[in-house]
Amino acid sequence: MKVFTRDYRITGEYHPEWDAYFSGMKPCVLDIEATGLDRSRCKAILIGLLMRTDSGVRITQFLAENHYEEDKVLDAAMDYLEENDAGYLITFNGCAFDVPFMNARLDADFLGRQLKMYHFDLYRFLRKCTDMKDRLPSMSQMAIEDHYGILSDRGDTITGRESVTLYDQYAISGNNTIEKIILTHNREDVLHLNRLMYLALADVPDIHQALAKYGFPAAGGRLSVRPKIKSFARMLRITGEQITDPVAAAYFPDADMPLTVTFNATSSSFEISAPVSSHDEDLYMDISFLDSAELRADPDCVGSYLILNPRTVNLVSRILSEYYLLK
């Protein structure tokens, strides 16, 4: 196995409101190359990871020198995530490919590890939470790069499909030129995905509504939270996933806490229902039952009432989810 690193001077935040959801969590952009799409028999042969440094970002790549070094590549990537305290993943279509592929291969190689952390899939986010799919002829990464005018900045000349054929040649010959072509394709995918995070998120009209629809992190990434106001029922319904260390618990409304809460360890899910009230067209929540300095200090909190808007709905949903997870 070979390891390669390259540094770039790229700084900044993905979105002005990003830290409201991801503060204290280090992002890691991930992209894998495999010998095919079938995770039951194909192998992961290259994993590229991008993380921030004090002066920009660093891309680290783990390359198998032949078809028999998959376990080394997977183990090295998992060690890297742990040692660098990665808080969440960023991928492009990684929910469908990269993450389930890695987990299947970790199982197949009997490594006793699984990749479980909050995962922001930019492809899924843009398809589900924006109108981009209606505006672009394709939702491929390169099509979106072309939309934002950065496709021509790429330094690679091949597709992912071509890299599979090239890798078969490389595994036999160890040719340095082929090695550079494969590495460059993976590195450009990771680097340009990081650039798309700056460009695409800046175009989202309401990041709070979009993240509520996608699912934002809570409890340091242990939870993914999706709130939704049910106006007709005067209810805030919070659903989500327990990503790591799922717990089982149930709470029912009483005089102190007017909420219904269920945490299911078997399905790794949870659901919270909280009553809301309305005045004219405004919605608000009585938070007198919550001892939260963060809520009390919010500019939309008046006395013991929180005025509900996309931002405060997400805020109170995160606080409630964390409260009951840790209770």
Protein backbone atom coordinates (compact mmCIF):
# COMPACT_ATOMS: atom_id res chain seq x y z
CA MET A 1 0.00 0.00 0.00
CA LYS A 2 1.16 3.52 -0.79
CA VAL A 3 0.18 6.77 0.96
CA PHE A 4 0.19 10.17 -0.74
CA THR A 5 -0.49 13.65 0.67
CA ARG A 6 -0.92 17.06 -0.92
CA ASP A 7 -1.72 20.42 0.68
CA TYR A 8 -3.83 23.28 -0.71
CA ARG A 9 -4.38 26.81 0.59
CA ILE A 10 -8.19 26.76 0.72
CA THR A 11 -9.86 28.36 3.72
CA GLY A 12 -13.31 29.55 4.73
CA GLU A 13 -16.67 28.18 5.82
CA TYR A 14 -19.11 26.27 3.65
CA HIS A 15 -22.01 28.56 4.55
CA PRO A 16 -22.45 31.53 6.94
CA GLU A 17 -24.87 29.44 9.06
CA TRP A 18 -22.86 26.21 8.86
CA ASP A 19 -21.31 26.53 12.31
CA ALA A 20 -24.77 26.73 13.88
CA TYR A 21 -25.07 23.03 13.04
CA PHE A 22 -21.52 21.71 12.70
CA SER A 23 -19.49 23.67 15.27
CA GLY A 24 -16.85 21.48 16.88
CA MET A 25 -17.18 18.75 14.23
CA LYS A 26 -14.30 18.35 11.77
CA PRO A 27 -15.44 17.65 8.19
CA CYS A 28 -13.77 14.96 6.08
CA VAL A 29 -14.42 14.80 2.34
CA LEU A 30 -14.29 11.18 1.18
CA ASP A 31 -14.20 9.50 -2.23
CA ILE A 32 -13.32 5.89 -3.03
CA GLU A 33 -12.27 4.10 -6.19
CA ALA A 34 -13.25 0.46 -6.62
CA THR A 35 -12.85 -2.30 -9.18
CA GLY A 36 -16.61 -2.18 -9.86
CA LEU A 37 -20.00 -1.41 -8.36
CA ASP A 38 -20.82 -4.84 -6.89
CA ARG A 39 -19.69 -4.58 -3.28
CA SER A 40 -20.10 -8.33 -2.73
CA ARG A 41 -17.15 -9.14 -5.01
CA CYS A 42 -15.46 -5.91 -6.17
CA LYS A 43 -12.75 -4.27 -4.09
CA ALA A 44 -11.89 -0.81 -2.81
CA ILE A 45 -8.47 0.03 -4.19
CA LEU A 46 -8.09 3.78 -3.49
CA ILE A 47 -9.53 6.02 -0.77
CA GLY A 48 -9.08 9.79 -0.89
CA LEU A 49 -9.71 11.92 2.21
CA LEU A 50 -9.63 15.71 2.54
CA MET A 51 -9.43 17.44 5.91
CA ARG A 52 -8.73 20.99 7.01
CA THR A 53 -5.35 22.11 8.32
CA ASP A 54 -4.19 25.36 9.92
CA SER A 55 -3.24 26.74 6.50
CA GLY A 56 -5.87 25.15 4.24
CA VAL A 57 -6.73 21.56 3.40
CA ARG A 58 -4.75 18.34 3.02
CA ILE A 59 -5.67 15.43 0.76
CA THR A 60 -4.46 12.01 1.88
CA GLN A 61 -4.79 9.02 -0.44
CA PHE A 62 -4.38 5.33 0.37
CA LEU A 63 -3.65 3.24 -2.74
CA ALA A 64 -3.56 -0.56 -2.96
CA GLU A 65 -0.61 -1.63 -5.11
CA ASN A 66 -2.51 -4.75 -6.15
CA HIS A 67 -5.89 -6.44 -5.72
CA TYR A 68 -4.77 -8.10 -2.49
CA GLU A 69 -4.16 -4.96 -0.42
CA GLU A 70 -7.78 -3.88 0.06
CA ASP A 71 -7.69 -4.67 3.78
CA LYS A 72 -4.65 -2.43 4.25
CA VAL A 73 -6.34 0.46 2.45
CA LEU A 74 -9.56 0.12 4.46
CA ASP A 75 -7.77 -0.20 7.78
CA ALA A 76 -5.53 2.80 7.00
CA ALA A 77 -8.53 4.97 6.07
CA MET A 78 -10.41 4.01 9.24
CA ASP A 79 -7.31 4.69 11.36
CA TYR A 80 -6.94 8.06 9.64
CA LEU A 81 -10.51 9.08 10.48
CA GLU A 82 -10.06 8.12 14.12
CA GLU A 83 -6.59 9.62 14.55
CA ASN A 84 -7.62 12.92 12.95
CA ASP A 85 -10.86 13.11 14.97
CA ALA A 86 -13.09 13.40 11.89
CA GLY A 87 -16.55 14.48 13.02
CA TYR A 88 -18.58 13.93 9.85
CA LEU A 89 -18.21 12.79 6.25
CA ILE A 90 -18.87 14.74 3.07
CA THR A 91 -19.42 12.70 -0.11
CA PHE A 92 -21.07 12.92 -3.49
CA ASN A 93 -23.59 10.07 -3.74
CA GLY A 94 -21.81 8.39 -0.87
CA CYS A 95 -25.08 7.26 0.72
CA ALA A 96 -25.65 4.99 -2.25
CA PHE A 97 -22.06 4.00 -3.01
CA ASP A 98 -18.99 5.00 -1.01
CA VAL A 99 -20.17 4.35 2.57
CA PRO A 100 -22.17 1.11 2.03
CA PHE A 101 -19.37 -0.15 -0.23
CA MET A 102 -16.74 0.50 2.43
CA ASN A 103 -18.84 -1.13 5.14
CA ALA A 104 -19.50 -4.19 2.98
CA ARG A 105 -15.80 -4.56 2.25
CA LEU A 106 -14.86 -4.04 5.91
CA ASP A 107 -17.16 -6.99 6.67
CA ALA A 108 -15.85 -9.06 3.77
CA ASP A 109 -12.27 -8.58 4.95
CA PHE A 110 -13.21 -9.49 8.57
CA LEU A 111 -11.77 -6.24 9.90
CA GLY A 112 -14.35 -5.88 12.67
CA ARG A 113 -14.98 -2.20 11.93
CA GLN A 114 -17.80 -0.13 10.46
CA LEU A 115 -17.93 3.41 9.14
CA LYS A 116 -20.61 5.06 11.26
CA MET A 117 -20.75 8.83 11.59
CA TYR A 118 -22.93 11.71 10.45
CA HIS A 119 -22.75 11.83 6.67
CA PHE A 120 -23.50 14.84 4.46
CA ASP A 121 -24.08 13.58 0.91
CA LEU A 122 -24.07 16.70 -1.27
CA TYR A 123 -25.69 14.85 -4.17
CA ARG A 124 -28.59 13.64 -2.03
CA PHE A 125 -28.92 17.04 -0.37
CA LEU A 126 -29.13 18.91 -3.69
CA ARG A 127 -31.62 16.43 -5.17
CA LYS A 128 -33.84 16.32 -2.08
CA CYS A 129 -33.63 19.83 -0.71
CA THR A 130 -33.17 22.14 -3.72
CA ASP A 131 -34.62 22.54 -7.21
CA MET A 132 -31.28 21.87 -8.91
CA LYS A 133 -32.47 18.60 -10.47
CA ASP A 134 -35.11 20.60 -12.34
CA ARG A 135 -32.62 23.17 -13.59
CA LEU A 136 -29.71 21.00 -14.74
CA PRO A 137 -29.71 18.32 -17.46
CA SER A 138 -27.73 15.99 -15.18
CA MET A 139 -26.94 15.70 -11.49
CA SER A 140 -23.52 14.15 -11.97
CA GLN A 141 -20.65 15.78 -10.09
CA MET A 142 -19.04 16.96 -13.33
CA ALA A 143 -22.33 18.46 -14.57
CA ILE A 144 -22.66 20.45 -11.33
CA GLU A 145 -19.01 21.50 -11.58
CA ASP A 146 -19.73 22.70 -15.13
CA HIS A 147 -22.75 24.64 -13.84
CA TYR A 148 -20.51 26.51 -11.40
CA GLY A 149 -17.74 27.03 -13.94
CA ILE A 150 -15.04 24.93 -12.29
CA LEU A 151 -15.08 21.83 -14.50
CA SER A 152 -12.30 23.22 -16.71
CA ASP A 153 -10.07 23.53 -13.62
CA ARG A 154 -9.81 19.75 -13.33
CA GLY A 155 -6.37 18.25 -13.85
CA ASP A 156 -7.57 14.73 -14.68
CA THR A 157 -8.48 13.27 -18.06
CA ILE A 158 -10.35 10.06 -17.20
CA THR A 159 -13.69 8.90 -15.81
CA GLY A 160 -14.27 6.58 -12.88
CA ARG A 161 -15.08 3.77 -15.29
CA GLU A 162 -11.78 4.25 -17.12
CA SER A 163 -9.88 4.18 -13.85
CA VAL A 164 -11.05 0.59 -13.27
CA THR A 165 -9.41 -0.60 -16.50
CA LEU A 166 -6.28 1.42 -15.79
CA TYR A 167 -6.02 -0.04 -12.30
CA ASP A 168 -6.02 -3.60 -13.65
CA GLN A 169 -3.02 -2.61 -15.77
CA TYR A 170 -1.36 -0.88 -12.83
CA ALA A 171 -1.77 -3.89 -10.52
CA ILE A 172 0.26 -5.95 -13.01
CA SER A 173 2.84 -3.41 -14.12
CA GLY A 174 3.16 -0.91 -11.26
CA ASN A 175 3.54 1.75 -13.97
CA ASN A 176 4.18 5.19 -12.43
CA THR A 177 2.34 7.06 -15.17
CA ILE A 178 -0.82 5.01 -14.67
CA GLU A 179 -0.47 5.47 -10.91
CA LYS A 180 -0.41 9.26 -11.32
CA ILE A 181 -3.46 9.22 -13.62
CA ILE A 182 -5.52 7.18 -11.12
CA LEU A 183 -4.40 9.29 -8.15
CA THR A 184 -5.12 12.54 -9.99
CA HIS A 185 -8.68 11.48 -10.85
CA ASN A 186 -9.45 10.62 -7.23
CA ARG A 187 -7.73 13.74 -5.89
CA GLU A 188 -9.63 16.01 -8.29
CA ASP A 189 -12.94 14.39 -7.29
CA VAL A 190 -12.24 15.14 -3.62
CA LEU A 191 -10.88 18.63 -4.22
CA HIS A 192 -13.74 19.67 -6.49
CA LEU A 193 -16.35 18.24 -4.14
CA ASN A 194 -14.91 20.45 -1.43
CA ARG A 195 -15.17 23.44 -3.79
CA LEU A 196 -18.78 22.55 -4.60
CA MET A 197 -19.61 22.71 -0.90
CA TYR A 198 -18.72 26.44 -0.97
CA LEU A 199 -20.50 27.15 -4.26
CA ALA A 200 -23.67 25.04 -4.06
CA LEU A 201 -24.55 25.77 -0.44
CA ALA A 202 -24.24 29.51 -1.08
CA ASP A 203 -27.12 29.14 -3.56
CA VAL A 204 -29.54 27.51 -1.07
CA PRO A 205 -32.28 30.08 -0.30
CA ASP A 206 -32.96 28.84 3.26
CA ILE A 207 -30.27 26.58 4.67
CA HIS A 208 -32.34 25.98 7.84
CA GLN A 209 -35.30 24.53 5.93
CA ALA A 210 -33.00 22.55 3.67
CA LEU A 211 -31.07 20.96 6.55
CA ALA A 212 -34.32 20.18 8.38
CA LYS A 213 -35.44 18.24 5.32
CA TYR A 214 -32.10 16.47 4.91
CA GLY A 215 -31.32 15.86 8.59
CA PHE A 216 -28.77 17.85 10.61
CA PRO A 217 -26.40 16.51 13.31
CA ALA A 218 -26.94 16.62 17.07
CA ALA A 219 -25.05 15.30 20.09
CA GLY A 220 -21.73 15.59 18.30
CA GLY A 221 -22.93 13.50 15.38
CA ARG A 222 -24.62 10.72 17.35
CA LEU A 223 -27.97 11.81 15.94
CA SER A 224 -29.36 13.00 12.63
CA VAL A 225 -32.42 15.20 13.28
CA ARG A 226 -35.35 16.01 10.95
CA PRO A 227 -38.03 18.33 12.42
CA LYS A 228 -41.33 19.23 10.81
CA ILE A 229 -44.19 21.40 12.01
CA LYS A 230 -47.63 19.79 11.75
CA SER A 231 -49.70 22.98 11.81
CA PHE A 232 -53.10 21.26 11.62
CA ALA A 233 -52.22 19.15 14.68
CA ARG A 234 -50.37 21.99 16.44
CA MET A 235 -47.39 19.71 16.85
CA LEU A 236 -43.66 19.76 16.25
CA ARG A 237 -42.67 16.27 15.11
CA ILE A 238 -38.98 15.44 15.35
CA THR A 239 -37.73 12.24 13.75
CA GLY A 240 -34.26 10.99 13.07
CA GLU A 241 -31.55 8.38 13.21
CA GLN A 242 -29.33 7.23 16.05
CA ILE A 243 -26.05 6.92 14.16
CA THR A 244 -23.89 5.48 16.93
CA ASP A 245 -24.56 3.81 20.29
CA PRO A 246 -28.37 3.59 19.89
CA VAL A 247 -30.42 3.63 23.09
CA ALA A 248 -33.94 2.49 23.96
CA ALA A 249 -36.20 4.80 25.94
CA ALA A 250 -39.77 6.08 26.08
CA TYR A 251 -41.32 9.10 27.79
CA PHE A 252 -44.95 10.17 27.91
CA PRO A 253 -46.59 13.53 28.61
CA ASP A 254 -47.02 14.58 32.23
CA ALA A 255 -47.42 17.80 34.17
CA ASP A 256 -43.72 18.60 33.90
CA MET A 257 -42.96 17.50 30.32
CA PRO A 258 -45.74 17.70 27.70
CA LEU A 259 -43.83 15.57 25.17
CA THR A 260 -44.03 12.07 23.74
CA VAL A 261 -40.59 10.57 23.13
CA THR A 262 -39.44 7.22 21.74
CA PHE A 263 -35.87 6.06 21.16
CA ASN A 264 -35.69 2.67 19.41
CA ALA A 265 -32.36 0.86 19.68
CA THR A 266 -33.37 -1.93 17.28
CA SER A 267 -34.18 0.39 14.37
CA SER A 268 -31.71 3.08 15.51
CA SER A 269 -34.49 5.64 15.16
CA PHE A 270 -36.17 8.17 17.43
CA GLU A 271 -39.27 10.35 17.44
CA ILE A 272 -40.34 13.30 19.58
CA SER A 273 -43.72 15.06 19.49
CA ALA A 274 -44.00 18.47 21.15
CA PRO A 275 -47.08 20.73 21.27
CA VAL A 276 -46.99 24.18 19.66
CA SER A 277 -49.42 27.10 19.80
CA SER A 278 -50.43 29.78 17.33
CA HIS A 279 -51.37 33.45 17.37
CA ASP A 280 -52.68 34.81 14.08
CA GLU A 281 -50.18 33.31 11.60
CA ASP A 282 -47.33 32.97 14.09
CA LEU A 283 -46.37 29.73 15.80
CA TYR A 284 -44.63 29.51 19.16
CA MET A 285 -43.69 26.95 21.79
CA ASP A 286 -43.94 27.16 25.54
CA ILE A 287 -40.44 26.16 26.69
CA SER A 288 -40.98 26.74 30.40
CA PHE A 289 -40.40 23.00 30.97
CA LEU A 290 -36.90 23.24 29.45
CA ASP A 291 -33.94 24.47 31.48
CA SER A 292 -31.90 25.70 28.53
CA ALA A 293 -29.76 28.82 28.75
CA GLU A 294 -29.15 28.59 24.99
CA LEU A 295 -32.87 28.88 24.25
CA ARG A 296 -33.45 31.61 26.82
CA ALA A 297 -30.68 33.70 25.24
CA ASP A 298 -32.07 33.33 21.72
CA PRO A 299 -33.37 36.60 20.22
CA ASP A 300 -36.63 34.85 19.24
CA CYS A 301 -37.32 33.75 22.81
CA VAL A 302 -39.75 36.03 24.68
CA GLY A 303 -40.10 35.11 28.33
CA SER A 304 -40.79 31.38 28.30
CA TYR A 305 -42.05 31.32 24.72
CA LEU A 306 -39.99 30.57 21.63
CA ILE A 307 -41.22 32.08 18.36
CA LEU A 308 -40.97 29.35 15.74
CA ASN A 309 -39.31 29.89 12.40
CA PRO A 310 -37.05 27.54 10.38
CA ARG A 311 -33.99 28.45 12.45
CA THR A 312 -35.59 28.17 15.90
CA VAL A 313 -37.47 24.98 14.97
CA ASN A 314 -34.10 23.38 14.24
CA LEU A 315 -32.56 24.84 17.38
CA VAL A 316 -35.22 23.56 19.77
CA SER A 317 -35.32 20.21 17.95
CA ARG A 318 -31.58 19.74 18.45
CA ILE A 319 -31.80 20.67 22.13
CA LEU A 320 -34.76 18.34 22.77
CA SER A 321 -33.11 15.45 20.91
CA GLU A 322 -29.89 15.82 22.87
CA TYR A 323 -31.75 16.21 26.17
CA TYR A 324 -33.67 12.96 25.82
CA LEU A 325 -30.72 11.05 24.36
CA LEU A 326 -28.62 11.85 27.39
CA LYS A 327 -31.39 11.74 30.00
